[in-house]
Every structure is written in structure tokens, then in C-alpha cells.
């Protein structure tokens, strides 16, 4: 069986994942953002991961998505507009496994280098890309997976819907190591 490497940007996201005792999965969190995610993905590959997953929370871009909606990324949109397709079989398997939770949507996830908290910026990205949600790690994980010739998948839960702005204090609450400042 392929060992799965799971990358998160926040320690609280990593804590939600309990890898099986047989070491089929490994979780790493080196902090929020694309640089930390790419470093984490490369570390997982060096440790034997044969596939990568970007997991955690996201900002909603599609106005139809409510807080708590699970987005399974069929593709990741890189900031330059490039689309990297996720592994189709993994997308289908993730959807099947998560179906009992309800509130699942399949579509693209947009990658950003920074928190996008303004409603007008979210609307602009949605209009330009059609992506359902955005985060700061999935595009970096997708790039590393593509460069290594490995399959990847993004699974994200909408934290802030498209109609809600994020206060700047929320981003200031994230520490560089993925913990929260108290």
C-alpha cells in the first residue's frame, strides 16, 4: 500500500488526523503558507510517502458554500492560473469516505501565498477561476507532488464563507510554526 503524506498548515488541523498504527500515513505541519507546505511535502517524500494530501481549513469563494462545507479538490489553481489535476481515483474515494458527513462539494481549490480576507478579493478570485475555496498550502503541495511524479489530493473545510471578511487579527493569531498565539 502507498504511504500517504498529509500536509497541514496549522497544528490544530494536524491534531484532527490520527494515522493508523500500521504507518500507512504520516502527518506534518511546519506552519502556514506555501513555503512551509512545500518543505513539509518534500520531507514526507524523503520519508517514503508515495502520495500527498493537503488537509485543513479554507476560505470560501463560491457564495453557495456555507461554513463547514467539505471541499474535495479535483484540481488546484496556482496563483499564475495553472491548474493541476488531483488524482481522480483519490477524489472519488475521498468523496465516498466523507459522504456520511454530508455537505461535500467537488471542485477546484485556489492557492494563495497570503490570507485573503476581503470579500471583494474572494469574489474576484471566484469569478476569474471558478475555484470553490482557497487556502495557502494546497498549491505548494500540488507542485511538489507534480515535480515528484506523485498523486495528490486536497481536502479542505470552509471556515469563512465568501460573504464574510476575515479580520486582520485572525491572521495575526497564527504563529510561524502552525500554532496559535494566545
N, C-alpha and C. Protein backbone atom coordinates (compact mmCIF):
# COMPACT_ATOMS: atom_id res chain seq x y z
N UNK A 1 0.84 -1.19 0.00
CA UNK A 1 0.00 0.00 0.00
C UNK A 1 0.89 1.25 0.00
N UNK A 2 0.47 2.26 -0.70
CA UNK A 2 1.20 3.51 -0.78
C UNK A 2 1.11 4.26 0.54
N UNK A 3 2.24 4.71 1.02
CA UNK A 3 2.26 5.53 2.23
C UNK A 3 1.80 6.94 1.85
N UNK A 4 0.86 7.47 2.59
CA UNK A 4 0.28 8.78 2.31
C UNK A 4 0.91 9.82 3.22
N UNK A 5 1.36 10.91 2.63
CA UNK A 5 1.88 12.05 3.39
C UNK A 5 0.83 13.14 3.43
N UNK A 6 0.48 13.59 4.64
CA UNK A 6 -0.57 14.59 4.82
C UNK A 6 0.07 15.87 5.35
N UNK A 7 -0.14 16.96 4.62
CA UNK A 7 0.43 18.27 4.98
C UNK A 7 -0.69 19.17 5.48
N UNK A 8 -0.45 19.80 6.64
CA UNK A 8 -1.37 20.80 7.16
C UNK A 8 -0.59 22.09 7.43
N UNK A 9 -1.30 23.19 7.52
CA UNK A 9 -0.66 24.46 7.83
C UNK A 9 -0.75 24.83 9.30
N UNK A 10 -1.68 24.20 10.01
CA UNK A 10 -1.89 24.52 11.42
C UNK A 10 -1.80 23.26 12.27
N UNK A 11 -1.23 23.38 13.44
CA UNK A 11 -1.12 22.24 14.36
C UNK A 11 -2.51 21.72 14.74
N UNK A 12 -3.49 22.62 14.85
CA UNK A 12 -4.85 22.18 15.19
C UNK A 12 -5.44 21.31 14.09
N UNK A 13 -5.07 21.55 12.84
CA UNK A 13 -5.52 20.70 11.74
C UNK A 13 -4.84 19.33 11.81
N UNK A 14 -3.54 19.33 12.07
CA UNK A 14 -2.79 18.08 12.18
C UNK A 14 -3.33 17.21 13.30
N UNK A 15 -3.78 17.83 14.39
CA UNK A 15 -4.29 17.09 15.54
C UNK A 15 -5.59 16.35 15.23
N UNK A 16 -6.27 16.74 14.16
CA UNK A 16 -7.53 16.08 13.78
C UNK A 16 -7.30 14.74 13.09
N UNK A 17 -6.07 14.49 12.68
CA UNK A 17 -5.75 13.29 11.92
C UNK A 17 -5.05 12.30 12.82
N UNK A 18 -5.59 11.09 12.86
CA UNK A 18 -4.99 10.02 13.65
C UNK A 18 -4.52 8.93 12.70
N UNK A 19 -3.24 8.98 12.26
CA UNK A 19 -2.76 7.94 11.34
C UNK A 19 -2.90 6.54 11.95
N UNK A 20 -3.14 5.58 11.08
CA UNK A 20 -3.27 4.19 11.51
C UNK A 20 -1.95 3.70 12.10
N UNK A 21 -2.04 2.75 12.97
CA UNK A 21 -0.87 2.21 13.65
C UNK A 21 0.09 1.50 12.69
N UNK A 22 -0.39 1.13 11.49
CA UNK A 22 0.47 0.41 10.55
C UNK A 22 1.32 1.33 9.68
N UNK A 23 1.38 2.60 10.03
CA UNK A 23 2.24 3.57 9.34
C UNK A 23 1.89 3.78 7.88
N UNK A 24 0.62 3.65 7.49
CA UNK A 24 0.21 3.91 6.12
C UNK A 24 0.11 5.41 5.84
N UNK A 25 0.16 6.23 6.89
CA UNK A 25 0.05 7.68 6.73
C UNK A 25 1.00 8.38 7.69
N UNK A 26 1.47 9.54 7.26
CA UNK A 26 2.29 10.40 8.11
C UNK A 26 1.77 11.82 7.96
N UNK A 27 1.76 12.56 9.05
CA UNK A 27 1.25 13.93 9.06
C UNK A 27 2.40 14.87 9.43
N UNK A 28 2.46 16.01 8.72
CA UNK A 28 3.47 17.00 9.05
C UNK A 28 2.85 18.39 9.00
N UNK A 29 3.25 19.23 9.94
CA UNK A 29 2.85 20.63 9.96
C UNK A 29 4.09 21.44 10.29
N UNK A 30 4.56 22.20 9.32
CA UNK A 30 5.71 23.08 9.54
C UNK A 30 5.27 24.54 9.61
N UNK A 31 3.96 24.76 9.61
CA UNK A 31 3.43 26.11 9.69
C UNK A 31 2.62 26.47 8.47
N UNK A 32 1.94 27.63 8.53
CA UNK A 32 1.09 28.05 7.41
C UNK A 32 1.89 28.61 6.25
N UNK A 33 1.31 28.50 5.08
CA UNK A 33 1.89 29.11 3.89
C UNK A 33 2.56 28.14 2.95
N UNK A 34 2.77 28.59 1.73
CA UNK A 34 3.31 27.71 0.69
C UNK A 34 4.73 27.22 0.95
N UNK A 35 5.59 28.03 1.50
CA UNK A 35 6.97 27.59 1.73
C UNK A 35 7.01 26.44 2.74
N UNK A 36 6.31 26.61 3.85
CA UNK A 36 6.28 25.56 4.87
C UNK A 36 5.62 24.29 4.33
N UNK A 37 4.55 24.46 3.53
CA UNK A 37 3.86 23.30 2.96
C UNK A 37 4.77 22.54 2.00
N UNK A 38 5.50 23.27 1.15
CA UNK A 38 6.42 22.62 0.21
C UNK A 38 7.53 21.89 0.96
N UNK A 39 8.08 22.53 1.99
CA UNK A 39 9.12 21.87 2.79
C UNK A 39 8.58 20.62 3.45
N UNK A 40 7.36 20.70 3.97
CA UNK A 40 6.73 19.53 4.60
C UNK A 40 6.48 18.41 3.60
N UNK A 41 6.01 18.77 2.41
CA UNK A 41 5.75 17.77 1.38
C UNK A 41 7.05 17.07 0.97
N UNK A 42 8.11 17.84 0.79
CA UNK A 42 9.40 17.24 0.43
C UNK A 42 9.92 16.33 1.54
N UNK A 43 9.72 16.73 2.79
CA UNK A 43 10.15 15.89 3.92
C UNK A 43 9.38 14.58 3.96
N UNK A 44 8.09 14.63 3.67
CA UNK A 44 7.27 13.42 3.65
C UNK A 44 7.72 12.48 2.53
N UNK A 45 8.03 13.05 1.37
CA UNK A 45 8.51 12.22 0.26
C UNK A 45 9.85 11.57 0.64
N UNK A 46 10.74 12.33 1.25
CA UNK A 46 12.03 11.79 1.67
C UNK A 46 11.86 10.67 2.69
N UNK A 47 10.75 10.73 3.43
CA UNK A 47 10.46 9.72 4.45
C UNK A 47 9.64 8.55 3.88
N UNK A 48 9.44 8.53 2.57
CA UNK A 48 8.78 7.39 1.94
C UNK A 48 7.35 7.56 1.48
N UNK A 49 6.81 8.77 1.59
CA UNK A 49 5.43 8.97 1.12
C UNK A 49 5.37 8.80 -0.39
N UNK A 50 4.37 8.06 -0.86
CA UNK A 50 4.18 7.85 -2.28
C UNK A 50 3.01 8.62 -2.85
N UNK A 51 2.36 9.43 -2.00
CA UNK A 51 1.24 10.27 -2.40
C UNK A 51 1.09 11.36 -1.35
N UNK A 52 0.53 12.50 -1.75
CA UNK A 52 0.40 13.64 -0.83
C UNK A 52 -1.04 14.14 -0.75
N UNK A 53 -1.41 14.59 0.45
CA UNK A 53 -2.71 15.19 0.69
C UNK A 53 -2.50 16.52 1.40
N UNK A 54 -3.17 17.56 0.93
CA UNK A 54 -3.21 18.83 1.62
C UNK A 54 -4.55 18.86 2.36
N UNK A 55 -4.49 19.03 3.68
CA UNK A 55 -5.68 18.91 4.52
C UNK A 55 -5.79 20.09 5.46
N UNK A 56 -7.01 20.61 5.64
CA UNK A 56 -7.22 21.66 6.63
C UNK A 56 -8.41 22.53 6.30
N UNK A 57 -8.36 23.75 6.79
CA UNK A 57 -9.45 24.69 6.58
C UNK A 57 -9.20 25.54 5.35
N UNK A 58 -10.25 26.23 4.91
CA UNK A 58 -10.16 27.06 3.72
C UNK A 58 -11.13 28.23 3.83
N UNK A 59 -10.89 29.23 3.01
CA UNK A 59 -11.83 30.32 2.85
C UNK A 59 -12.76 29.98 1.70
N UNK A 60 -14.02 30.26 1.87
CA UNK A 60 -14.97 30.01 0.79
C UNK A 60 -14.87 31.07 -0.30
N UNK A 61 -14.95 30.65 -1.54
CA UNK A 61 -15.01 31.56 -2.68
C UNK A 61 -16.37 31.52 -3.35
N UNK A 62 -16.95 30.34 -3.43
CA UNK A 62 -18.27 30.16 -4.02
C UNK A 62 -19.31 30.64 -3.00
N UNK A 63 -20.13 31.63 -3.35
CA UNK A 63 -21.12 32.14 -2.41
C UNK A 63 -22.12 31.10 -1.92
N UNK A 64 -22.24 29.98 -2.63
CA UNK A 64 -23.19 28.94 -2.24
C UNK A 64 -22.65 28.05 -1.11
N UNK A 65 -21.37 28.17 -0.78
CA UNK A 65 -20.79 27.31 0.25
C UNK A 65 -20.94 27.92 1.64
N UNK A 66 -21.43 27.11 2.57
CA UNK A 66 -21.58 27.54 3.96
C UNK A 66 -20.38 27.08 4.77
N UNK A 67 -20.21 27.68 5.92
CA UNK A 67 -19.19 27.23 6.86
C UNK A 67 -19.42 25.75 7.14
N UNK A 68 -18.35 24.98 7.11
CA UNK A 68 -18.44 23.55 7.36
C UNK A 68 -18.52 22.69 6.11
N UNK A 69 -18.69 23.31 4.95
CA UNK A 69 -18.72 22.55 3.70
C UNK A 69 -17.34 21.92 3.47
N UNK A 70 -17.34 20.65 3.13
CA UNK A 70 -16.09 19.95 2.82
C UNK A 70 -15.85 20.06 1.32
N UNK A 71 -14.70 20.59 0.96
CA UNK A 71 -14.33 20.74 -0.45
C UNK A 71 -13.26 19.70 -0.77
N UNK A 72 -13.57 18.86 -1.74
CA UNK A 72 -12.60 17.90 -2.24
C UNK A 72 -12.06 18.48 -3.53
N UNK A 73 -10.79 18.81 -3.51
CA UNK A 73 -10.17 19.49 -4.65
C UNK A 73 -9.91 18.57 -5.82
N UNK A 74 -10.71 18.70 -6.87
CA UNK A 74 -10.46 17.96 -8.11
C UNK A 74 -9.25 18.54 -8.84
N UNK A 75 -8.97 19.80 -8.54
CA UNK A 75 -7.81 20.49 -9.12
C UNK A 75 -7.38 21.57 -8.15
N UNK A 76 -6.15 21.99 -8.31
CA UNK A 76 -5.63 23.11 -7.54
C UNK A 76 -5.22 24.17 -8.55
N UNK A 77 -5.67 25.40 -8.32
CA UNK A 77 -5.33 26.51 -9.20
C UNK A 77 -4.17 27.27 -8.57
N UNK A 78 -3.06 27.30 -9.29
CA UNK A 78 -1.86 28.01 -8.86
C UNK A 78 -2.09 29.50 -9.10
N UNK A 79 -1.49 30.39 -8.29
CA UNK A 79 -1.73 31.83 -8.49
C UNK A 79 -1.50 32.34 -9.92
N UNK A 80 -0.64 31.69 -10.71
CA UNK A 80 -0.43 32.14 -12.10
C UNK A 80 -1.53 31.65 -13.04
N UNK A 81 -2.52 30.93 -12.51
CA UNK A 81 -3.64 30.44 -13.31
C UNK A 81 -3.52 28.99 -13.74
N UNK A 82 -2.36 28.39 -13.58
CA UNK A 82 -2.17 26.99 -13.92
C UNK A 82 -3.06 26.12 -13.05
N UNK A 83 -3.66 25.09 -13.65
CA UNK A 83 -4.48 24.12 -12.91
C UNK A 83 -3.76 22.79 -12.88
N UNK A 84 -3.61 22.25 -11.69
CA UNK A 84 -3.02 20.92 -11.52
C UNK A 84 -4.14 19.99 -11.08
N UNK A 85 -4.36 18.93 -11.85
CA UNK A 85 -5.45 17.99 -11.56
C UNK A 85 -5.06 17.04 -10.44
N UNK A 86 -5.96 16.86 -9.50
CA UNK A 86 -5.76 15.87 -8.43
C UNK A 86 -5.98 14.48 -9.02
N UNK A 87 -5.57 13.48 -8.28
CA UNK A 87 -5.70 12.10 -8.73
C UNK A 87 -7.19 11.73 -8.73
N UNK A 88 -7.79 11.43 -9.90
CA UNK A 88 -9.25 11.20 -9.99
C UNK A 88 -9.76 10.08 -9.10
N UNK A 89 -9.01 8.99 -9.00
CA UNK A 89 -9.46 7.88 -8.15
C UNK A 89 -9.49 8.30 -6.68
N UNK A 90 -8.49 9.09 -6.28
CA UNK A 90 -8.47 9.58 -4.90
C UNK A 90 -9.63 10.51 -4.62
N UNK A 91 -9.94 11.35 -5.59
CA UNK A 91 -11.08 12.27 -5.43
C UNK A 91 -12.35 11.46 -5.18
N UNK A 92 -12.58 10.45 -5.99
CA UNK A 92 -13.78 9.61 -5.85
C UNK A 92 -13.78 8.86 -4.52
N UNK A 93 -12.62 8.33 -4.13
CA UNK A 93 -12.55 7.59 -2.86
C UNK A 93 -12.77 8.52 -1.67
N UNK A 94 -12.20 9.73 -1.73
CA UNK A 94 -12.39 10.69 -0.64
C UNK A 94 -13.86 11.08 -0.53
N UNK A 95 -14.48 11.30 -1.67
CA UNK A 95 -15.90 11.66 -1.66
C UNK A 95 -16.74 10.54 -1.04
N UNK A 96 -16.44 9.30 -1.40
CA UNK A 96 -17.16 8.17 -0.83
C UNK A 96 -16.94 8.03 0.67
N UNK A 97 -15.71 8.22 1.10
CA UNK A 97 -15.39 8.08 2.52
C UNK A 97 -16.02 9.20 3.36
N UNK A 98 -16.10 10.40 2.78
CA UNK A 98 -16.61 11.55 3.53
C UNK A 98 -18.12 11.75 3.35
N UNK A 99 -18.73 11.03 2.44
CA UNK A 99 -20.16 11.19 2.14
C UNK A 99 -21.06 11.14 3.38
N UNK A 100 -20.80 10.25 4.35
CA UNK A 100 -21.67 10.23 5.53
C UNK A 100 -21.69 11.54 6.32
N UNK A 101 -20.68 12.36 6.15
CA UNK A 101 -20.65 13.65 6.86
C UNK A 101 -21.56 14.68 6.22
N UNK A 102 -21.88 14.50 4.94
CA UNK A 102 -22.72 15.46 4.23
C UNK A 102 -21.97 16.74 3.93
N UNK A 103 -22.61 17.62 3.17
CA UNK A 103 -22.04 18.92 2.87
C UNK A 103 -20.75 18.86 2.08
N UNK A 104 -20.66 17.97 1.10
CA UNK A 104 -19.44 17.81 0.32
C UNK A 104 -19.62 18.41 -1.07
N UNK A 105 -18.59 19.10 -1.53
CA UNK A 105 -18.55 19.63 -2.90
C UNK A 105 -17.21 19.28 -3.52
N UNK A 106 -17.24 18.93 -4.78
CA UNK A 106 -16.02 18.69 -5.55
C UNK A 106 -15.79 19.88 -6.47
N UNK A 107 -14.54 20.27 -6.60
CA UNK A 107 -14.21 21.38 -7.49
C UNK A 107 -12.78 21.81 -7.26
N UNK A 108 -12.44 22.95 -7.81
CA UNK A 108 -11.07 23.46 -7.69
C UNK A 108 -10.86 24.20 -6.38
N UNK A 109 -9.62 24.15 -5.92
CA UNK A 109 -9.16 24.91 -4.75
C UNK A 109 -8.10 25.89 -5.26
N UNK A 110 -8.20 27.14 -4.86
CA UNK A 110 -7.25 28.16 -5.28
C UNK A 110 -6.14 28.29 -4.24
N UNK A 111 -4.91 28.39 -4.71
CA UNK A 111 -3.77 28.57 -3.83
C UNK A 111 -3.36 30.02 -3.73
N UNK A 112 -3.15 30.48 -2.51
CA UNK A 112 -2.75 31.86 -2.28
C UNK A 112 -1.53 31.88 -1.36
N UNK A 113 -0.67 32.86 -1.55
CA UNK A 113 0.51 32.99 -0.70
C UNK A 113 0.18 33.68 0.61
N UNK A 114 -1.00 34.29 0.71
CA UNK A 114 -1.38 35.03 1.91
C UNK A 114 -2.86 34.82 2.19
N UNK A 115 -3.27 35.17 3.40
CA UNK A 115 -4.68 35.11 3.76
C UNK A 115 -5.44 36.12 2.90
N UNK A 116 -6.54 35.68 2.30
CA UNK A 116 -7.42 36.57 1.52
C UNK A 116 -8.67 36.76 2.36
N UNK A 117 -8.76 37.90 2.99
CA UNK A 117 -9.86 38.13 3.91
C UNK A 117 -10.92 39.07 3.42
N UNK A 118 -10.67 39.81 2.36
CA UNK A 118 -11.64 40.77 1.88
C UNK A 118 -12.65 40.11 0.94
N UNK A 119 -13.92 40.41 1.15
CA UNK A 119 -14.98 39.82 0.36
C UNK A 119 -14.80 40.13 -1.13
N UNK A 120 -14.42 41.34 -1.46
CA UNK A 120 -14.27 41.71 -2.88
C UNK A 120 -13.13 40.93 -3.54
N UNK A 121 -12.07 40.63 -2.80
CA UNK A 121 -10.97 39.83 -3.37
C UNK A 121 -11.40 38.39 -3.57
N UNK A 122 -12.17 37.86 -2.63
CA UNK A 122 -12.69 36.50 -2.78
C UNK A 122 -13.58 36.42 -4.02
N UNK A 123 -14.44 37.41 -4.21
CA UNK A 123 -15.34 37.43 -5.36
C UNK A 123 -14.54 37.50 -6.65
N UNK A 124 -13.50 38.31 -6.68
CA UNK A 124 -12.67 38.45 -7.88
C UNK A 124 -12.00 37.11 -8.24
N UNK A 125 -11.48 36.41 -7.23
CA UNK A 125 -10.83 35.12 -7.47
C UNK A 125 -11.84 34.08 -7.96
N UNK A 126 -13.01 34.05 -7.34
CA UNK A 126 -14.06 33.11 -7.76
C UNK A 126 -14.47 33.36 -9.20
N UNK A 127 -14.68 34.62 -9.56
CA UNK A 127 -15.07 34.97 -10.92
C UNK A 127 -14.00 34.58 -11.93
N UNK A 128 -12.74 34.81 -11.58
CA UNK A 128 -11.63 34.54 -12.51
C UNK A 128 -11.31 33.05 -12.65
N UNK A 129 -11.49 32.27 -11.57
CA UNK A 129 -11.02 30.88 -11.58
C UNK A 129 -12.12 29.84 -11.46
N UNK A 130 -13.25 30.20 -10.87
CA UNK A 130 -14.30 29.22 -10.60
C UNK A 130 -13.97 28.31 -9.43
N UNK A 131 -12.85 28.56 -8.76
CA UNK A 131 -12.47 27.74 -7.60
C UNK A 131 -13.50 27.91 -6.49
N UNK A 132 -13.77 26.82 -5.77
CA UNK A 132 -14.77 26.84 -4.70
C UNK A 132 -14.24 27.44 -3.41
N UNK A 133 -12.95 27.22 -3.15
CA UNK A 133 -12.36 27.65 -1.88
C UNK A 133 -10.89 27.99 -2.10
N UNK A 134 -10.28 28.60 -1.11
CA UNK A 134 -8.86 28.94 -1.20
C UNK A 134 -8.14 28.61 0.10
N UNK A 135 -6.87 28.30 -0.04
CA UNK A 135 -6.02 28.08 1.12
C UNK A 135 -4.59 28.45 0.74
N UNK A 136 -3.67 28.34 1.68
CA UNK A 136 -2.30 28.76 1.45
C UNK A 136 -1.31 27.61 1.28
N UNK A 137 -1.79 26.37 1.32
CA UNK A 137 -0.86 25.24 1.24
C UNK A 137 -1.07 24.31 0.06
N UNK A 138 -2.31 24.12 -0.39
CA UNK A 138 -2.60 23.09 -1.39
C UNK A 138 -1.82 23.26 -2.69
N UNK A 139 -1.64 24.49 -3.15
CA UNK A 139 -0.91 24.68 -4.41
C UNK A 139 0.56 24.29 -4.26
N UNK A 140 1.15 24.53 -3.11
CA UNK A 140 2.54 24.15 -2.89
C UNK A 140 2.68 22.62 -2.84
N UNK A 141 1.75 21.97 -2.16
CA UNK A 141 1.76 20.50 -2.08
C UNK A 141 1.57 19.92 -3.48
N UNK A 142 0.65 20.49 -4.26
CA UNK A 142 0.40 20.01 -5.62
C UNK A 142 1.64 20.16 -6.49
N UNK A 143 2.33 21.27 -6.38
CA UNK A 143 3.56 21.49 -7.17
C UNK A 143 4.63 20.47 -6.82
N UNK A 144 4.83 20.22 -5.53
CA UNK A 144 5.84 19.24 -5.10
C UNK A 144 5.46 17.85 -5.59
N UNK A 145 4.19 17.49 -5.45
CA UNK A 145 3.73 16.18 -5.92
C UNK A 145 3.95 16.04 -7.42
N UNK A 146 3.58 17.06 -8.17
CA UNK A 146 3.75 17.00 -9.62
C UNK A 146 5.23 16.85 -9.99
N UNK A 147 6.09 17.61 -9.35
CA UNK A 147 7.52 17.54 -9.64
C UNK A 147 8.09 16.15 -9.34
N UNK A 148 7.53 15.49 -8.32
CA UNK A 148 8.00 14.16 -7.92
C UNK A 148 7.27 13.04 -8.66
N UNK A 149 6.27 13.40 -9.47
CA UNK A 149 5.50 12.39 -10.19
C UNK A 149 4.58 11.59 -9.29
N UNK A 150 4.10 12.23 -8.21
CA UNK A 150 3.23 11.55 -7.24
C UNK A 150 1.81 12.08 -7.31
N UNK A 151 0.82 11.23 -6.98
CA UNK A 151 -0.55 11.71 -6.92
C UNK A 151 -0.76 12.60 -5.69
N UNK A 152 -1.73 13.51 -5.81
CA UNK A 152 -2.07 14.37 -4.67
C UNK A 152 -3.57 14.59 -4.63
N UNK A 153 -4.00 15.11 -3.49
CA UNK A 153 -5.40 15.42 -3.26
C UNK A 153 -5.46 16.56 -2.26
N UNK A 154 -6.44 17.43 -2.39
CA UNK A 154 -6.70 18.48 -1.40
C UNK A 154 -8.07 18.23 -0.78
N UNK A 155 -8.12 18.26 0.55
CA UNK A 155 -9.39 18.15 1.27
C UNK A 155 -9.43 19.31 2.24
N UNK A 156 -10.40 20.19 2.05
CA UNK A 156 -10.48 21.41 2.84
C UNK A 156 -11.89 21.63 3.36
N UNK A 157 -12.02 22.21 4.54
CA UNK A 157 -13.31 22.54 5.13
C UNK A 157 -13.43 24.05 5.19
N UNK A 158 -14.52 24.58 4.65
CA UNK A 158 -14.73 26.02 4.61
C UNK A 158 -14.91 26.55 6.03
N UNK A 159 -14.06 27.48 6.39
CA UNK A 159 -14.12 28.12 7.70
C UNK A 159 -14.87 29.45 7.60
N UNK A 160 -14.48 30.26 6.64
CA UNK A 160 -15.14 31.54 6.43
C UNK A 160 -15.78 31.56 5.04
N UNK A 161 -17.10 31.74 4.97
CA UNK A 161 -17.77 31.75 3.67
C UNK A 161 -17.37 32.97 2.84
N UNK A 162 -17.71 32.95 1.57
CA UNK A 162 -17.34 34.02 0.64
C UNK A 162 -17.87 35.38 1.08
N UNK A 163 -18.99 35.39 1.76
CA UNK A 163 -19.62 36.66 2.16
C UNK A 163 -19.05 37.25 3.45
N UNK A 164 -18.09 36.56 4.06
CA UNK A 164 -17.56 37.02 5.35
C UNK A 164 -16.10 37.44 5.21
N UNK A 165 -15.80 38.65 5.64
CA UNK A 165 -14.42 39.13 5.68
C UNK A 165 -13.73 38.55 6.91
N UNK A 166 -12.43 38.37 6.80
CA UNK A 166 -11.64 37.89 7.95
C UNK A 166 -10.93 39.08 8.55
N UNK A 167 -11.08 39.32 9.85
CA UNK A 167 -10.34 40.43 10.46
C UNK A 167 -8.84 40.17 10.41
N UNK A 168 -8.06 41.23 10.25
CA UNK A 168 -6.60 41.07 10.18
C UNK A 168 -6.05 40.44 11.45
N UNK A 169 -6.73 40.59 12.55
CA UNK A 169 -6.28 39.99 13.81
C UNK A 169 -6.28 38.47 13.74
N UNK A 170 -7.16 37.90 12.91
CA UNK A 170 -7.21 36.44 12.79
C UNK A 170 -5.91 35.91 12.20
N UNK A 171 -5.41 36.55 11.16
CA UNK A 171 -4.15 36.12 10.56
C UNK A 171 -2.99 36.36 11.52
N UNK A 172 -3.07 37.42 12.29
CA UNK A 172 -2.00 37.72 13.25
C UNK A 172 -1.96 36.68 14.36
N UNK A 173 -3.05 35.94 14.54
CA UNK A 173 -3.10 34.91 15.58
C UNK A 173 -2.37 33.63 15.22
N UNK A 174 -1.92 33.49 13.95
CA UNK A 174 -1.18 32.30 13.53
C UNK A 174 0.30 32.51 13.77
N UNK A 175 0.91 31.58 14.45
CA UNK A 175 2.36 31.62 14.66
C UNK A 175 3.05 30.93 13.48
N UNK A 176 4.30 31.27 13.20
CA UNK A 176 5.01 30.66 12.07
C UNK A 176 5.12 29.13 12.11
N UNK A 177 5.01 28.54 13.30
CA UNK A 177 5.12 27.08 13.41
C UNK A 177 3.79 26.36 13.31
N UNK A 178 2.71 27.11 13.04
CA UNK A 178 1.40 26.49 12.89
C UNK A 178 0.58 26.43 14.17
N UNK A 179 1.12 26.93 15.26
CA UNK A 179 0.33 27.03 16.49
C UNK A 179 -0.39 28.37 16.47
N UNK A 180 -1.24 28.59 17.47
CA UNK A 180 -1.92 29.87 17.57
C UNK A 180 -1.32 30.66 18.72
N UNK A 181 -1.31 31.95 18.52
CA UNK A 181 -0.81 32.84 19.57
C UNK A 181 -1.95 33.14 20.52
N UNK A 182 -1.69 33.06 21.80
CA UNK A 182 -2.77 33.25 22.77
C UNK A 182 -2.77 34.49 23.49
